[in-house]
Amino acid sequence: MKPGSKQWKNFMAKLYGWGAAIVIIGALFKIQHWEGASLMLILGLGTEAFIFFMSAFEKPHEEPDWSLVYPQLATGEGAEKTPTQQLDNMLADANIDATIIEKLGDGMRHLGEQATKMGEVADAS
């Protein structure tokens, strides 16, 4: 079985599953203080060490060239602006300044007060 082949990947997938099950059973034995807990924990951790050893022979995952799908990644376009800077630019483009934001806040407070008064009138009737 050659590392990187389909059979190797299939074997490793099964090894991860079996190994995880053995580790969990070993931990369960130890947590519950069942007879043979030390042996089961040794088997579980030994299995984990073996899995880490075997995974060293796996081929590293190759990242696709995402710039082929998203061309802006190749140019770095938009990468230098944080979301806060983008929001600031949008507000500036729309001519929204602190005065307008303050008026919006006042309007929302007034709306809240009116809704409270309407609730009081509805409760009174």
C-alpha atoms as a PDB file:
ATOM      1  CA  MET A   1       0.000   0.000   0.000  1.00  0.00           C
ATOM      2  CA  LYS A   2       1.590   3.246  -1.160  1.00  0.00           C
ATOM      3  CA  PRO A   3       1.115   6.451   0.881  1.00  0.00           C
ATOM      4  CA  GLY A   4      -1.174   8.799  -1.014  1.00  0.00           C
ATOM      5  CA  SER A   5      -2.971   6.014  -2.901  1.00  0.00           C
ATOM      6  CA  LYS A   6      -6.710   5.455  -2.662  1.00  0.00           C
ATOM      7  CA  GLN A   7      -6.177   2.288  -0.586  1.00  0.00           C
ATOM      8  CA  TRP A   8      -3.885   4.211   1.783  1.00  0.00           C
ATOM      9  CA  LYS A   9      -6.477   6.963   2.282  1.00  0.00           C
ATOM     10  CA  ASN A  10      -9.182   4.353   2.877  1.00  0.00           C
ATOM     11  CA  PHE A  11      -6.970   2.520   5.387  1.00  0.00           C
ATOM     12  CA  MET A  12      -6.098   5.751   7.221  1.00  0.00           C
ATOM     13  CA  ALA A  13      -9.757   6.775   7.441  1.00  0.00           C
ATOM     14  CA  LYS A  14     -10.573   3.449   9.086  1.00  0.00           C
ATOM     15  CA  LEU A  15      -7.500   3.673  11.326  1.00  0.00           C
ATOM     16  CA  TYR A  16      -8.602   7.091  12.607  1.00  0.00           C
ATOM     17  CA  GLY A  17     -12.064   5.756  13.405  1.00  0.00           C
ATOM     18  CA  TRP A  18     -10.856   2.573  15.093  1.00  0.00           C
ATOM     19  CA  GLY A  19      -8.145   4.441  16.956  1.00  0.00           C
ATOM     20  CA  ALA A  20     -10.545   7.065  18.266  1.00  0.00           C
ATOM     21  CA  ALA A  21     -12.888   4.324  19.502  1.00  0.00           C
ATOM     22  CA  ILE A  22     -10.055   2.581  21.372  1.00  0.00           C
ATOM     23  CA  VAL A  23      -8.896   5.858  22.942  1.00  0.00           C
ATOM     24  CA  ILE A  24     -12.438   6.690  24.088  1.00  0.00           C
ATOM     25  CA  ILE A  25     -12.952   3.201  25.542  1.00  0.00           C
ATOM     26  CA  GLY A  26      -9.615   3.465  27.373  1.00  0.00           C
ATOM     27  CA  ALA A  27     -10.598   6.830  28.835  1.00  0.00           C
ATOM     28  CA  LEU A  28     -14.031   5.455  29.805  1.00  0.00           C
ATOM     29  CA  PHE A  29     -12.432   2.538  31.674  1.00  0.00           C
ATOM     30  CA  LYS A  30     -10.148   4.945  33.542  1.00  0.00           C
ATOM     31  CA  ILE A  31     -12.900   7.473  34.364  1.00  0.00           C
ATOM     32  CA  GLN A  32     -15.229   4.731  35.650  1.00  0.00           C
ATOM     33  CA  HIS A  33     -12.393   3.037  37.577  1.00  0.00           C
ATOM     34  CA  TRP A  34     -13.234  -0.296  35.966  1.00  0.00           C
ATOM     35  CA  GLU A  35     -10.973  -3.299  36.260  1.00  0.00           C
ATOM     36  CA  GLY A  36      -8.229  -3.224  33.625  1.00  0.00           C
ATOM     37  CA  ALA A  37      -8.443   0.564  33.296  1.00  0.00           C
ATOM     38  CA  SER A  38      -4.682   1.070  33.270  1.00  0.00           C
ATOM     39  CA  LEU A  39      -4.227  -1.514  30.512  1.00  0.00           C
ATOM     40  CA  MET A  40      -7.062   0.001  28.441  1.00  0.00           C
ATOM     41  CA  LEU A  41      -5.605   3.495  28.843  1.00  0.00           C
ATOM     42  CA  ILE A  42      -2.183   2.231  27.758  1.00  0.00           C
ATOM     43  CA  LEU A  43      -3.774   0.564  24.717  1.00  0.00           C
ATOM     44  CA  GLY A  44      -5.709   3.734  23.909  1.00  0.00           C
ATOM     45  CA  LEU A  45      -2.752   6.076  24.178  1.00  0.00           C
ATOM     46  CA  GLY A  46      -0.509   3.593  22.374  1.00  0.00           C
ATOM     47  CA  THR A  47      -3.047   3.479  19.553  1.00  0.00           C
ATOM     48  CA  GLU A  48      -3.102   7.265  19.444  1.00  0.00           C
ATOM     49  CA  ALA A  49       0.693   7.383  19.231  1.00  0.00           C
ATOM     50  CA  PHE A  50       0.618   4.799  16.414  1.00  0.00           C
ATOM     51  CA  ILE A  51      -1.975   6.861  14.523  1.00  0.00           C
ATOM     52  CA  PHE A  52       0.162   9.993  14.814  1.00  0.00           C
ATOM     53  CA  PHE A  53       3.140   7.989  13.552  1.00  0.00           C
ATOM     54  CA  MET A  54       1.166   6.667  10.564  1.00  0.00           C
ATOM     55  CA  SER A  55      -0.240  10.103   9.724  1.00  0.00           C
ATOM     56  CA  ALA A  56       3.320  11.355   9.242  1.00  0.00           C
ATOM     57  CA  PHE A  57       3.378   9.381   5.984  1.00  0.00           C
ATOM     58  CA  GLU A  58       0.261  11.033   4.560  1.00  0.00           C
ATOM     59  CA  LYS A  59       0.674  13.442   1.701  1.00  0.00           C
ATOM     60  CA  PRO A  60       0.087  17.056   2.780  1.00  0.00           C
ATOM     61  CA  HIS A  61      -3.195  18.531   1.626  1.00  0.00           C
ATOM     62  CA  GLU A  62      -2.684  20.725  -1.429  1.00  0.00           C
ATOM     63  CA  GLU A  63      -4.614  23.983  -1.432  1.00  0.00           C
ATOM     64  CA  PRO A  64      -6.203  24.826  -4.762  1.00  0.00           C
ATOM     65  CA  ASP A  65      -5.337  28.117  -6.442  1.00  0.00           C
ATOM     66  CA  TRP A  66      -8.315  30.122  -5.203  1.00  0.00           C
ATOM     67  CA  SER A  67      -7.267  33.115  -7.315  1.00  0.00           C
ATOM     68  CA  LEU A  68      -8.596  31.196 -10.334  1.00  0.00           C
ATOM     69  CA  VAL A  69     -12.076  31.270  -8.793  1.00  0.00           C
ATOM     70  CA  TYR A  70     -11.769  34.617  -6.985  1.00  0.00           C
ATOM     71  CA  PRO A  71      -9.503  36.888  -9.091  1.00  0.00           C
ATOM     72  CA  GLN A  72      -9.457  39.602  -6.416  1.00  0.00           C
ATOM     73  CA  LEU A  73      -7.282  37.287  -4.302  1.00  0.00           C
ATOM     74  CA  ALA A  74      -4.510  37.480  -6.908  1.00  0.00           C
ATOM     75  CA  THR A  75      -4.448  41.279  -6.937  1.00  0.00           C
ATOM     76  CA  GLY A  76      -4.996  41.699  -3.201  1.00  0.00           C
ATOM     77  CA  GLU A  77      -7.886  44.027  -4.026  1.00  0.00           C
ATOM     78  CA  GLY A  78      -9.864  44.957  -0.931  1.00  0.00           C
ATOM     79  CA  ALA A  79      -7.480  43.136   1.396  1.00  0.00           C
ATOM     80  CA  GLU A  80      -6.078  46.308   2.952  1.00  0.00           C
ATOM     81  CA  LYS A  81      -9.402  47.660   4.270  1.00  0.00           C
ATOM     82  CA  THR A  82     -10.937  46.420   7.493  1.00  0.00           C
ATOM     83  CA  PRO A  83     -14.737  46.204   7.836  1.00  0.00           C
ATOM     84  CA  THR A  84     -14.667  49.347   9.992  1.00  0.00           C
ATOM     85  CA  GLN A  85     -12.789  51.262   7.308  1.00  0.00           C
ATOM     86  CA  GLN A  86     -15.217  50.021   4.675  1.00  0.00           C
ATOM     87  CA  LEU A  87     -18.160  51.225   6.802  1.00  0.00           C
ATOM     88  CA  ASP A  88     -16.493  54.619   7.266  1.00  0.00           C
ATOM     89  CA  ASN A  89     -16.053  54.907   3.489  1.00  0.00           C
ATOM     90  CA  MET A  90     -19.698  53.981   2.852  1.00  0.00           C
ATOM     91  CA  LEU A  91     -20.901  56.565   5.382  1.00  0.00           C
ATOM     92  CA  ALA A  92     -18.668  59.234   3.833  1.00  0.00           C
ATOM     93  CA  ASP A  93     -19.883  58.384   0.315  1.00  0.00           C
ATOM     94  CA  ALA A  94     -23.507  58.703   1.474  1.00  0.00           C
ATOM     95  CA  ASN A  95     -22.783  62.073   3.204  1.00  0.00           C
ATOM     96  CA  ILE A  96     -23.778  60.655   6.580  1.00  0.00           C
ATOM     97  CA  ASP A  97     -22.021  62.483   9.385  1.00  0.00           C
ATOM     98  CA  ALA A  98     -22.268  62.636  13.183  1.00  0.00           C
ATOM     99  CA  THR A  99     -25.150  65.137  13.046  1.00  0.00           C
ATOM    100  CA  ILE A 100     -27.323  62.800  10.991  1.00  0.00           C
ATOM    101  CA  ILE A 101     -26.464  59.854  13.278  1.00  0.00           C
ATOM    102  CA  GLU A 102     -27.407  61.988  16.301  1.00  0.00           C
ATOM    103  CA  LYS A 103     -30.739  62.941  14.680  1.00  0.00           C
ATOM    104  CA  LEU A 104     -31.372  59.267  13.959  1.00  0.00           C
ATOM    105  CA  GLY A 105     -30.743  58.447  17.630  1.00  0.00           C
ATOM    106  CA  ASP A 106     -33.115  61.223  18.730  1.00  0.00           C
ATOM    107  CA  GLY A 107     -35.769  59.932  16.340  1.00  0.00           C
ATOM    108  CA  MET A 108     -35.426  56.392  17.675  1.00  0.00           C
ATOM    109  CA  ARG A 109     -35.731  57.626  21.280  1.00  0.00           C
ATOM    110  CA  HIS A 110     -38.832  59.644  20.351  1.00  0.00           C
ATOM    111  CA  LEU A 111     -40.324  56.600  18.596  1.00  0.00           C
ATOM    112  CA  GLY A 112     -39.694  54.499  21.713  1.00  0.00           C
ATOM    113  CA  GLU A 113     -41.395  57.095  23.920  1.00  0.00           C
ATOM    114  CA  GLN A 114     -44.421  57.235  21.611  1.00  0.00           C
ATOM    115  CA  ALA A 115     -44.690  53.439  21.573  1.00  0.00           C
ATOM    116  CA  THR A 116     -44.625  53.418  25.386  1.00  0.00           C
ATOM    117  CA  LYS A 117     -47.403  56.032  25.508  1.00  0.00           C
ATOM    118  CA  MET A 118     -49.488  54.028  23.028  1.00  0.00           C
ATOM    119  CA  GLY A 119     -49.035  50.961  25.227  1.00  0.00           C
ATOM    120  CA  GLU A 120     -50.239  52.923  28.260  1.00  0.00           C
ATOM    121  CA  VAL A 121     -53.327  54.121  26.343  1.00  0.00           C
ATOM    122  CA  ALA A 122     -54.085  50.556  25.242  1.00  0.00           C
ATOM    123  CA  ASP A 123     -53.745  49.312  28.830  1.00  0.00           C
ATOM    124  CA  ALA A 124     -56.106  52.030  30.089  1.00  0.00           C
ATOM    125  CA  SER A 125     -58.921  51.035  27.746  1.00  0.00           C
END
